[in-house]
Amino acid sequence: MPKQFSGVDRNFDDLAERFDRNIYGQLKGKIRLAVLHRDFADFLPIAPYVPLTPDKTCNILDAGGGQGQFSLPLAAAGHSLTLCDLSQKMLSKAKIRAAQLGAEGVRYIHSPIQSLPETVHYDVILCHAVMEWVVDPQALLQCLWHKIQPGGYVSIIFYNHHALVYKNLLRANYKKVIAADYRASRGSLTPINPIEPEQVLGWADSLGAELLCHSGIRVFHDYILDPQSRQQAPDQVIELELSYSRRPPFRDLGRYVHLLLRKPMVED
C-alpha cells in the first residue's frame, strides 16, 4: 500500500467515519476529552467550568475542528463559536452533533485555517490534532497567534514524535527506527508530520506565549499491547491517565501533547 503523500495538508473527507469509530467512539477519545476538560477547568475560567456571565462570554475559533467534539459543548454553554475545517464531511457531522447538543448560532467555515480572514480575532482558539497533519506546523501556529486577542488563549494538541519512536521500539520495529521513516500507509490515522514537543515549546516561546499548562494525552494506554487489556477498567484508566498526564517522564511519552498558551495583554 502506498505511503501517505506529505506535500499537502491532509483533508479527512475519506476518514470521517473512521474517526467516529476509532477515536471518538473509543476509550482513547474519552481520555483526550478528560485531559482537556481538566486542563481547561484548572486554567481557563470560562463556562461550563465557571458560571457563565456576560463578561466571560468568549468568541471561540475551533481551527480544524472536525466534528466539534470539544468545542460544540462550549457553544452549548453560551459562547460564540466558529468551526473551521478542510473536510466538508466533518463539518456535516458537526452540524448534526450541534443540533443534538442544542448549540445554536455556530458558524461553519469550509476552508483551510490559513485562509481565514486576518481581520477577525478571537478570545480562545482551539487547534486540536491538526498541526501534525499540515506541511508547515510552525507557520500554522504563527497564523493562529495573529488571530488571537491580547490576553486570549490558544489550546493546541499535537501528535508526539517521541511517542511514535517509543511505540516502534516496543514493537521491535528497529529498521523503521534506524531509518527514522515513520510514514504511514494511505488511509492510516498516523499523521504525516509528528512533532517533537521541544520544537513546539520553542516556537511558542519565540512568539512570547505564556505556557499555562503542558499535559500528555494517553501516557500509558496506547502502550498496552494486548487489545483486551487495553479496554479493561476504563474508569481507572482515565483516573490514572489524569494522575500521570502532567508528571515527567510520563507526560513526555503521551501519544499526544496538550499545551495551553496565553497571549500577553501587551506584547514586547
C-alpha atoms as a PDB file:
ATOM      1  CA  MET A   1       0.000   0.000   0.000  1.00  0.00           C
ATOM      2  CA  PRO A   2       1.463   3.421  -0.924  1.00  0.00           C
ATOM      3  CA  LYS A   3       2.696   5.788   1.739  1.00  0.00           C
ATOM      4  CA  GLN A   4       0.827   8.978   2.535  1.00  0.00           C
ATOM      5  CA  PHE A   5       1.817  11.925   0.394  1.00  0.00           C
ATOM      6  CA  SER A   6       3.113  14.657   2.681  1.00  0.00           C
ATOM      7  CA  GLY A   7       3.254  17.528   0.185  1.00  0.00           C
ATOM      8  CA  VAL A   8      -0.168  18.947   1.082  1.00  0.00           C
ATOM      9  CA  ASP A   9      -2.219  19.490   4.223  1.00  0.00           C
ATOM     10  CA  ARG A  10      -4.443  16.494   4.992  1.00  0.00           C
ATOM     11  CA  ASN A  11      -8.175  16.510   4.197  1.00  0.00           C
ATOM     12  CA  PHE A  12     -10.236  13.969   6.176  1.00  0.00           C
ATOM     13  CA  ASP A  13     -13.244  13.549   3.910  1.00  0.00           C
ATOM     14  CA  ASP A  14     -12.173   9.930   3.364  1.00  0.00           C
ATOM     15  CA  LEU A  15     -11.699   9.167   7.074  1.00  0.00           C
ATOM     16  CA  ALA A  16     -14.653  10.850   8.792  1.00  0.00           C
ATOM     17  CA  GLU A  17     -16.336   7.547   9.596  1.00  0.00           C
ATOM     18  CA  ARG A  18     -13.116   6.015  10.927  1.00  0.00           C
ATOM     19  CA  PHE A  19     -12.658   8.945  13.293  1.00  0.00           C
ATOM     20  CA  ASP A  20     -16.094   8.175  14.726  1.00  0.00           C
ATOM     21  CA  ARG A  21     -15.236   4.507  15.269  1.00  0.00           C
ATOM     22  CA  ASN A  22     -11.546   4.554  16.136  1.00  0.00           C
ATOM     23  CA  ILE A  23     -11.179   7.757  18.148  1.00  0.00           C
ATOM     24  CA  TYR A  24     -14.384   9.486  19.197  1.00  0.00           C
ATOM     25  CA  GLY A  25     -16.208   6.243  19.960  1.00  0.00           C
ATOM     26  CA  GLN A  26     -13.372   4.608  21.898  1.00  0.00           C
ATOM     27  CA  LEU A  27     -11.701   4.943  25.284  1.00  0.00           C
ATOM     28  CA  LYS A  28      -8.814   6.824  23.676  1.00  0.00           C
ATOM     29  CA  GLY A  29     -11.213   9.628  22.724  1.00  0.00           C
ATOM     30  CA  LYS A  30     -12.634   9.735  26.247  1.00  0.00           C
ATOM     31  CA  ILE A  31      -9.122  10.050  27.675  1.00  0.00           C
ATOM     32  CA  ARG A  32      -8.415  13.008  25.395  1.00  0.00           C
ATOM     33  CA  LEU A  33     -11.601  14.794  26.438  1.00  0.00           C
ATOM     34  CA  ALA A  34     -10.953  14.072  30.128  1.00  0.00           C
ATOM     35  CA  VAL A  35      -7.488  15.673  29.963  1.00  0.00           C
ATOM     36  CA  LEU A  36      -8.836  18.685  28.067  1.00  0.00           C
ATOM     37  CA  HIS A  37     -11.708  19.227  30.483  1.00  0.00           C
ATOM     38  CA  ARG A  38      -9.330  19.018  33.453  1.00  0.00           C
ATOM     39  CA  ASP A  39      -6.821  21.426  31.893  1.00  0.00           C
ATOM     40  CA  PHE A  40      -9.484  23.974  30.937  1.00  0.00           C
ATOM     41  CA  ALA A  41     -11.141  23.749  34.353  1.00  0.00           C
ATOM     42  CA  ASP A  42      -7.780  24.421  36.026  1.00  0.00           C
ATOM     43  CA  PHE A  43      -6.507  27.248  33.826  1.00  0.00           C
ATOM     44  CA  LEU A  44      -9.261  28.831  31.713  1.00  0.00           C
ATOM     45  CA  PRO A  45     -12.128  30.473  33.654  1.00  0.00           C
ATOM     46  CA  ILE A  46     -14.982  30.142  31.166  1.00  0.00           C
ATOM     47  CA  ALA A  47     -18.310  28.292  31.130  1.00  0.00           C
ATOM     48  CA  PRO A  48     -19.079  25.468  31.673  1.00  0.00           C
ATOM     49  CA  TYR A  49     -16.168  25.360  34.138  1.00  0.00           C
ATOM     50  CA  VAL A  50     -17.349  28.525  35.878  1.00  0.00           C
ATOM     51  CA  PRO A  51     -20.814  30.148  35.751  1.00  0.00           C
ATOM     52  CA  LEU A  52     -21.486  32.000  32.510  1.00  0.00           C
ATOM     53  CA  THR A  53     -21.613  35.783  32.853  1.00  0.00           C
ATOM     54  CA  PRO A  54     -21.771  38.441  30.097  1.00  0.00           C
ATOM     55  CA  ASP A  55     -18.165  39.468  30.700  1.00  0.00           C
ATOM     56  CA  LYS A  56     -16.975  35.852  30.324  1.00  0.00           C
ATOM     57  CA  THR A  57     -18.719  35.067  27.058  1.00  0.00           C
ATOM     58  CA  CYS A  58     -15.982  34.224  24.570  1.00  0.00           C
ATOM     59  CA  ASN A  59     -15.556  34.356  20.832  1.00  0.00           C
ATOM     60  CA  ILE A  60     -14.032  30.931  20.076  1.00  0.00           C
ATOM     61  CA  LEU A  61     -12.397  29.544  16.933  1.00  0.00           C
ATOM     62  CA  ASP A  62     -12.084  25.784  16.550  1.00  0.00           C
ATOM     63  CA  ALA A  63      -9.380  25.651  13.864  1.00  0.00           C
ATOM     64  CA  GLY A  64      -9.522  22.333  12.052  1.00  0.00           C
ATOM     65  CA  GLY A  65     -12.299  21.394  14.460  1.00  0.00           C
ATOM     66  CA  GLY A  66     -13.600  18.332  12.644  1.00  0.00           C
ATOM     67  CA  GLN A  67     -16.775  17.135  14.319  1.00  0.00           C
ATOM     68  CA  GLY A  68     -16.516  19.646  17.179  1.00  0.00           C
ATOM     69  CA  GLN A  69     -16.237  17.065  19.942  1.00  0.00           C
ATOM     70  CA  PHE A  70     -14.748  19.552  22.385  1.00  0.00           C
ATOM     71  CA  SER A  71     -15.883  22.909  21.011  1.00  0.00           C
ATOM     72  CA  LEU A  72     -19.607  22.311  20.492  1.00  0.00           C
ATOM     73  CA  PRO A  73     -20.281  21.848  24.233  1.00  0.00           C
ATOM     74  CA  LEU A  74     -18.632  25.263  24.715  1.00  0.00           C
ATOM     75  CA  ALA A  75     -21.082  26.716  22.199  1.00  0.00           C
ATOM     76  CA  ALA A  76     -23.933  24.978  24.017  1.00  0.00           C
ATOM     77  CA  ALA A  77     -22.692  26.651  27.220  1.00  0.00           C
ATOM     78  CA  GLY A  78     -23.276  30.070  25.647  1.00  0.00           C
ATOM     79  CA  HIS A  79     -20.101  31.041  23.808  1.00  0.00           C
ATOM     80  CA  SER A  80     -19.844  32.204  20.195  1.00  0.00           C
ATOM     81  CA  LEU A  81     -18.176  29.511  18.090  1.00  0.00           C
ATOM     82  CA  THR A  82     -16.664  29.447  14.617  1.00  0.00           C
ATOM     83  CA  LEU A  83     -15.786  25.930  13.465  1.00  0.00           C
ATOM     84  CA  CYS A  84     -13.423  25.760  10.503  1.00  0.00           C
ATOM     85  CA  ASP A  85     -12.367  22.586   8.721  1.00  0.00           C
ATOM     86  CA  LEU A  86     -10.948  21.448   5.404  1.00  0.00           C
ATOM     87  CA  SER A  87     -13.347  18.468   5.325  1.00  0.00           C
ATOM     88  CA  GLN A  88     -16.965  19.040   4.331  1.00  0.00           C
ATOM     89  CA  LYS A  89     -17.918  15.622   5.713  1.00  0.00           C
ATOM     90  CA  MET A  90     -16.511  16.530   9.121  1.00  0.00           C
ATOM     91  CA  LEU A  91     -18.494  19.763   9.119  1.00  0.00           C
ATOM     92  CA  SER A  92     -21.669  17.897   8.199  1.00  0.00           C
ATOM     93  CA  LYS A  93     -21.189  15.601  11.187  1.00  0.00           C
ATOM     94  CA  ALA A  94     -20.519  18.629  13.395  1.00  0.00           C
ATOM     95  CA  LYS A  95     -23.822  20.201  12.359  1.00  0.00           C
ATOM     96  CA  ILE A  96     -25.696  17.039  13.352  1.00  0.00           C
ATOM     97  CA  ARG A  97     -23.986  16.974  16.718  1.00  0.00           C
ATOM     98  CA  ALA A  98     -24.631  20.685  17.287  1.00  0.00           C
ATOM     99  CA  ALA A  99     -28.365  20.078  16.814  1.00  0.00           C
ATOM    100  CA  GLN A 100     -28.238  17.227  19.330  1.00  0.00           C
ATOM    101  CA  LEU A 101     -26.495  19.433  21.901  1.00  0.00           C
ATOM    102  CA  GLY A 102     -28.663  22.480  21.278  1.00  0.00           C
ATOM    103  CA  ALA A 103     -25.618  24.509  20.228  1.00  0.00           C
ATOM    104  CA  GLU A 104     -27.148  27.357  18.227  1.00  0.00           C
ATOM    105  CA  GLY A 105     -25.558  30.062  16.127  1.00  0.00           C
ATOM    106  CA  VAL A 106     -22.389  28.141  15.307  1.00  0.00           C
ATOM    107  CA  ARG A 107     -20.618  29.474  12.234  1.00  0.00           C
ATOM    108  CA  TYR A 108     -19.216  26.753   9.974  1.00  0.00           C
ATOM    109  CA  ILE A 109     -16.436  27.567   7.520  1.00  0.00           C
ATOM    110  CA  HIS A 110     -15.243  25.085   4.889  1.00  0.00           C
ATOM    111  CA  SER A 111     -11.734  26.399   4.415  1.00  0.00           C
ATOM    112  CA  PRO A 112      -8.068  25.927   5.280  1.00  0.00           C
ATOM    113  CA  ILE A 113      -7.204  27.586   8.578  1.00  0.00           C
ATOM    114  CA  GLN A 114      -4.563  29.679   6.829  1.00  0.00           C
ATOM    115  CA  SER A 115      -7.252  31.249   4.592  1.00  0.00           C
ATOM    116  CA  LEU A 116      -9.389  32.652   7.422  1.00  0.00           C
ATOM    117  CA  PRO A 117      -9.738  36.455   7.424  1.00  0.00           C
ATOM    118  CA  GLU A 118      -6.857  38.196   9.177  1.00  0.00           C
ATOM    119  CA  THR A 119      -9.129  40.970  10.457  1.00  0.00           C
ATOM    120  CA  VAL A 120     -11.170  38.687  12.769  1.00  0.00           C
ATOM    121  CA  HIS A 121      -9.697  37.948  16.193  1.00  0.00           C
ATOM    122  CA  TYR A 122     -10.761  35.523  18.915  1.00  0.00           C
ATOM    123  CA  ASP A 123     -10.641  35.183  22.698  1.00  0.00           C
ATOM    124  CA  VAL A 124      -9.961  31.437  22.563  1.00  0.00           C
ATOM    125  CA  ILE A 125      -8.544  29.364  19.714  1.00  0.00           C
ATOM    126  CA  LEU A 126      -8.608  25.572  19.709  1.00  0.00           C
ATOM    127  CA  CYS A 127      -6.344  23.661  17.334  1.00  0.00           C
ATOM    128  CA  HIS A 128      -6.561  20.022  18.310  1.00  0.00           C
ATOM    129  CA  ALA A 129      -4.767  17.245  16.406  1.00  0.00           C
ATOM    130  CA  VAL A 130      -4.205  19.442  13.365  1.00  0.00           C
ATOM    131  CA  MET A 131      -0.584  20.616  13.400  1.00  0.00           C
ATOM    132  CA  GLU A 132       0.757  17.137  12.656  1.00  0.00           C
ATOM    133  CA  TRP A 133      -1.358  16.935   9.501  1.00  0.00           C
ATOM    134  CA  VAL A 134      -0.067  20.119   7.859  1.00  0.00           C
ATOM    135  CA  VAL A 135       3.090  20.648   5.852  1.00  0.00           C
ATOM    136  CA  ASP A 136       4.335  23.620   7.926  1.00  0.00           C
ATOM    137  CA  PRO A 137       3.148  23.352  11.553  1.00  0.00           C
ATOM    138  CA  GLN A 138       5.250  26.299  12.743  1.00  0.00           C
ATOM    139  CA  ALA A 139       3.627  28.574  10.167  1.00  0.00           C
ATOM    140  CA  LEU A 140       0.221  27.328  11.311  1.00  0.00           C
ATOM    141  CA  LEU A 141       0.982  28.243  14.935  1.00  0.00           C
ATOM    142  CA  GLN A 142       2.127  31.698  13.829  1.00  0.00           C
ATOM    143  CA  CYS A 143      -1.102  32.079  11.832  1.00  0.00           C
ATOM    144  CA  LEU A 144      -3.181  31.219  14.907  1.00  0.00           C
ATOM    145  CA  TRP A 145      -1.166  33.617  17.061  1.00  0.00           C
ATOM    146  CA  HIS A 146      -2.047  36.508  14.738  1.00  0.00           C
ATOM    147  CA  LYS A 147      -5.759  35.695  15.179  1.00  0.00           C
ATOM    148  CA  ILE A 148      -5.838  35.721  18.991  1.00  0.00           C
ATOM    149  CA  GLN A 149      -6.739  38.762  21.049  1.00  0.00           C
ATOM    150  CA  PRO A 150      -4.176  40.068  23.570  1.00  0.00           C
ATOM    151  CA  GLY A 151      -4.899  38.202  26.787  1.00  0.00           C
ATOM    152  CA  GLY A 152      -6.514  35.380  24.816  1.00  0.00           C
ATOM    153  CA  TYR A 153      -5.826  31.656  24.937  1.00  0.00           C
ATOM    154  CA  VAL A 154      -4.601  29.109  22.400  1.00  0.00           C
ATOM    155  CA  SER A 155      -5.132  25.416  23.094  1.00  0.00           C
ATOM    156  CA  ILE A 156      -3.117  23.082  20.872  1.00  0.00           C
ATOM    157  CA  ILE A 157      -2.898  19.310  20.743  1.00  0.00           C
ATOM    158  CA  PHE A 158      -0.373  17.590  18.517  1.00  0.00           C
ATOM    159  CA  TYR A 159       0.921  14.078  17.840  1.00  0.00           C
ATOM    160  CA  ASN A 160       4.092  13.420  19.808  1.00  0.00           C
ATOM    161  CA  HIS A 161       7.077  12.275  17.748  1.00  0.00           C
ATOM    162  CA  HIS A 162       8.726  10.753  20.844  1.00  0.00           C
ATOM    163  CA  ALA A 163       5.689   8.541  21.428  1.00  0.00           C
ATOM    164  CA  LEU A 164       5.849   7.289  17.847  1.00  0.00           C
ATOM    165  CA  VAL A 165       9.507   6.331  18.245  1.00  0.00           C
ATOM    166  CA  TYR A 166       8.860   4.616  21.573  1.00  0.00           C
ATOM    167  CA  LYS A 167       5.884   2.667  20.215  1.00  0.00           C
ATOM    168  CA  ASN A 168       8.012   1.309  17.373  1.00  0.00           C
ATOM    169  CA  LEU A 169      10.816   0.389  19.764  1.00  0.00           C
ATOM    170  CA  LEU A 170       8.379  -1.576  21.907  1.00  0.00           C
ATOM    171  CA  ARG A 171       7.132  -3.407  18.832  1.00  0.00           C
ATOM    172  CA  ALA A 172      10.675  -4.226  17.718  1.00  0.00           C
ATOM    173  CA  ASN A 173      10.337  -2.191  14.510  1.00  0.00           C
ATOM    174  CA  TYR A 174      14.058  -1.464  14.654  1.00  0.00           C
ATOM    175  CA  LYS A 175      14.557  -0.935  10.921  1.00  0.00           C
ATOM    176  CA  LYS A 176      11.904   1.777  10.931  1.00  0.00           C
ATOM    177  CA  VAL A 177      13.513   3.486  13.924  1.00  0.00           C
ATOM    178  CA  ILE A 178      17.026   3.309  12.462  1.00  0.00           C
ATOM    179  CA  ALA A 179      15.791   4.718   9.148  1.00  0.00           C
ATOM    180  CA  ALA A 180      13.649   7.320  11.003  1.00  0.00           C
ATOM    181  CA  ASP A 181      10.921   6.582   8.464  1.00  0.00           C
ATOM    182  CA  TYR A 182       7.566   6.662  10.218  1.00  0.00           C
ATOM    183  CA  ARG A 183       5.419   7.438   7.215  1.00  0.00           C
ATOM    184  CA  ALA A 184       2.097   5.613   7.431  1.00  0.00           C
ATOM    185  CA  SER A 185       0.216   3.854   4.689  1.00  0.00           C
ATOM    186  CA  ARG A 186      -2.509   5.789   2.925  1.00  0.00           C
ATOM    187  CA  GLY A 187      -5.711   5.700   4.959  1.00  0.00           C
ATOM    188  CA  SER A 188      -3.842   5.376   8.254  1.00  0.00           C
ATOM    189  CA  LEU A 189      -4.575   7.647  11.207  1.00  0.00           C
ATOM    190  CA  THR A 190      -0.834   8.032  11.840  1.00  0.00           C
ATOM    191  CA  PRO A 191      -0.062  11.677  10.956  1.00  0.00           C
ATOM    192  CA  ILE A 192       2.171  12.850   8.129  1.00  0.00           C
ATOM    193  CA  ASN A 193       4.200  15.150  10.384  1.00  0.00           C
ATOM    194  CA  PRO A 194       4.650  14.014  14.040  1.00  0.00           C
ATOM    195  CA  ILE A 195       6.240  16.795  16.094  1.00  0.00           C
ATOM    196  CA  GLU A 196       8.754  16.917  18.922  1.00  0.00           C
ATOM    197  CA  PRO A 197       7.279  18.805  21.890  1.00  0.00           C
ATOM    198  CA  GLU A 198      10.536  20.723  22.352  1.00  0.00           C
ATOM    199  CA  GLN A 199      10.031  22.222  18.893  1.00  0.00           C
ATOM    200  CA  VAL A 200       6.538  23.469  19.642  1.00  0.00           C
ATOM    201  CA  LEU A 201       7.571  24.828  23.034  1.00  0.00           C
ATOM    202  CA  GLY A 202      10.379  26.705  21.282  1.00  0.00           C
ATOM    203  CA  TRP A 203       8.002  28.115  18.682  1.00  0.00           C
ATOM    204  CA  ALA A 204       5.600  29.233  21.416  1.00  0.00           C
ATOM    205  CA  ASP A 205       8.415  30.860  23.383  1.00  0.00           C
ATOM    206  CA  SER A 206       9.586  32.759  20.296  1.00  0.00           C
ATOM    207  CA  LEU A 207       6.064  34.181  19.959  1.00  0.00           C
ATOM    208  CA  GLY A 208       6.141  35.402  23.555  1.00  0.00           C
ATOM    209  CA  ALA A 209       3.476  32.949  24.687  1.00  0.00           C
ATOM    210  CA  GLU A 210       2.893  32.250  28.366  1.00  0.00           C
ATOM    211  CA  LEU A 211       2.730  28.485  28.938  1.00  0.00           C
ATOM    212  CA  LEU A 212      -0.142  27.791  31.330  1.00  0.00           C
ATOM    213  CA  CYS A 213      -0.396  24.034  31.022  1.00  0.00           C
ATOM    214  CA  HIS A 214       1.591  21.144  29.499  1.00  0.00           C
ATOM    215  CA  SER A 215      -0.069  17.728  29.573  1.00  0.00           C
ATOM    216  CA  GLY A 216       0.415  14.368  27.907  1.00  0.00           C
ATOM    217  CA  ILE A 217      -2.609  12.567  26.485  1.00  0.00           C
ATOM    218  CA  ARG A 218      -2.640   8.761  26.652  1.00  0.00           C
ATOM    219  CA  VAL A 219       0.630   8.476  28.515  1.00  0.00           C
ATOM    220  CA  PHE A 220       0.293   4.699  29.009  1.00  0.00           C
ATOM    221  CA  HIS A 221      -2.966   3.497  27.447  1.00  0.00           C
ATOM    222  CA  ASP A 222      -1.617   3.155  23.907  1.00  0.00           C
ATOM    223  CA  TYR A 223       1.447   1.206  25.051  1.00  0.00           C
ATOM    224  CA  ILE A 224      -0.655  -1.674  26.392  1.00  0.00           C
ATOM    225  CA  LEU A 225      -0.057  -4.209  23.625  1.00  0.00           C
ATOM    226  CA  ASP A 226      -2.877  -6.625  24.435  1.00  0.00           C
ATOM    227  CA  PRO A 227      -6.112  -5.227  22.928  1.00  0.00           C
ATOM    228  CA  GLN A 228      -8.336  -6.808  25.581  1.00  0.00           C
ATOM    229  CA  SER A 229      -6.255  -5.481  28.456  1.00  0.00           C
ATOM    230  CA  ARG A 230      -6.337  -2.030  26.841  1.00  0.00           C
ATOM    231  CA  GLN A 231     -10.122  -1.917  27.273  1.00  0.00           C
ATOM    232  CA  GLN A 232     -10.274  -3.116  30.877  1.00  0.00           C
ATOM    233  CA  ALA A 233     -11.331  -0.866  33.766  1.00  0.00           C
ATOM    234  CA  PRO A 234     -11.923   2.289  31.670  1.00  0.00           C
ATOM    235  CA  ASP A 235     -12.741   4.465  34.686  1.00  0.00           C
ATOM    236  CA  GLN A 236      -9.477   3.506  36.371  1.00  0.00           C
ATOM    237  CA  VAL A 237      -7.561   4.069  33.137  1.00  0.00           C
ATOM    238  CA  ILE A 238      -8.942   7.612  32.858  1.00  0.00           C
ATOM    239  CA  GLU A 239      -8.208   8.298  36.530  1.00  0.00           C
ATOM    240  CA  LEU A 240      -4.611   7.113  36.162  1.00  0.00           C
ATOM    241  CA  GLU A 241      -4.109   8.923  32.856  1.00  0.00           C
ATOM    242  CA  LEU A 242      -5.155  12.153  34.558  1.00  0.00           C
ATOM    243  CA  SER A 243      -2.894  11.408  37.517  1.00  0.00           C
ATOM    244  CA  TYR A 244       0.238  10.924  35.390  1.00  0.00           C
ATOM    245  CA  SER A 245      -0.531  13.275  32.481  1.00  0.00           C
ATOM    246  CA  ARG A 246       1.432  16.234  33.887  1.00  0.00           C
ATOM    247  CA  ARG A 247       4.248  14.262  35.517  1.00  0.00           C
ATOM    248  CA  PRO A 248       7.552  13.872  33.675  1.00  0.00           C
ATOM    249  CA  PRO A 249       8.675  11.444  32.327  1.00  0.00           C
ATOM    250  CA  PHE A 250       5.177  10.025  31.740  1.00  0.00           C
ATOM    251  CA  ARG A 251       3.886  13.314  30.330  1.00  0.00           C
ATOM    252  CA  ASP A 252       6.620  13.362  27.702  1.00  0.00           C
ATOM    253  CA  LEU A 253       5.612   9.962  26.304  1.00  0.00           C
ATOM    254  CA  GLY A 254       1.946  10.813  25.803  1.00  0.00           C
ATOM    255  CA  ARG A 255       0.700   9.883  22.360  1.00  0.00           C
ATOM    256  CA  TYR A 256      -0.498  13.476  22.109  1.00  0.00           C
ATOM    257  CA  VAL A 257       0.610  16.639  23.889  1.00  0.00           C
ATOM    258  CA  HIS A 258      -1.703  19.431  25.055  1.00  0.00           C
ATOM    259  CA  LEU A 259      -0.345  22.945  25.512  1.00  0.00           C
ATOM    260  CA  LEU A 260      -2.485  25.800  26.784  1.00  0.00           C
ATOM    261  CA  LEU A 261      -0.916  29.158  25.905  1.00  0.00           C
ATOM    262  CA  ARG A 262      -1.882  32.730  26.770  1.00  0.00           C
ATOM    263  CA  LYS A 263      -1.054  35.792  24.702  1.00  0.00           C
ATOM    264  CA  PRO A 264       0.268  38.718  26.773  1.00  0.00           C
ATOM    265  CA  MET A 265      -2.004  41.724  27.133  1.00  0.00           C
ATOM    266  CA  VAL A 266       0.820  43.919  25.805  1.00  0.00           C
ATOM    267  CA  GLU A 267       3.363  42.277  23.539  1.00  0.00           C
ATOM    268  CA  ASP A 268       7.028  43.220  23.783  1.00  0.00           C
END
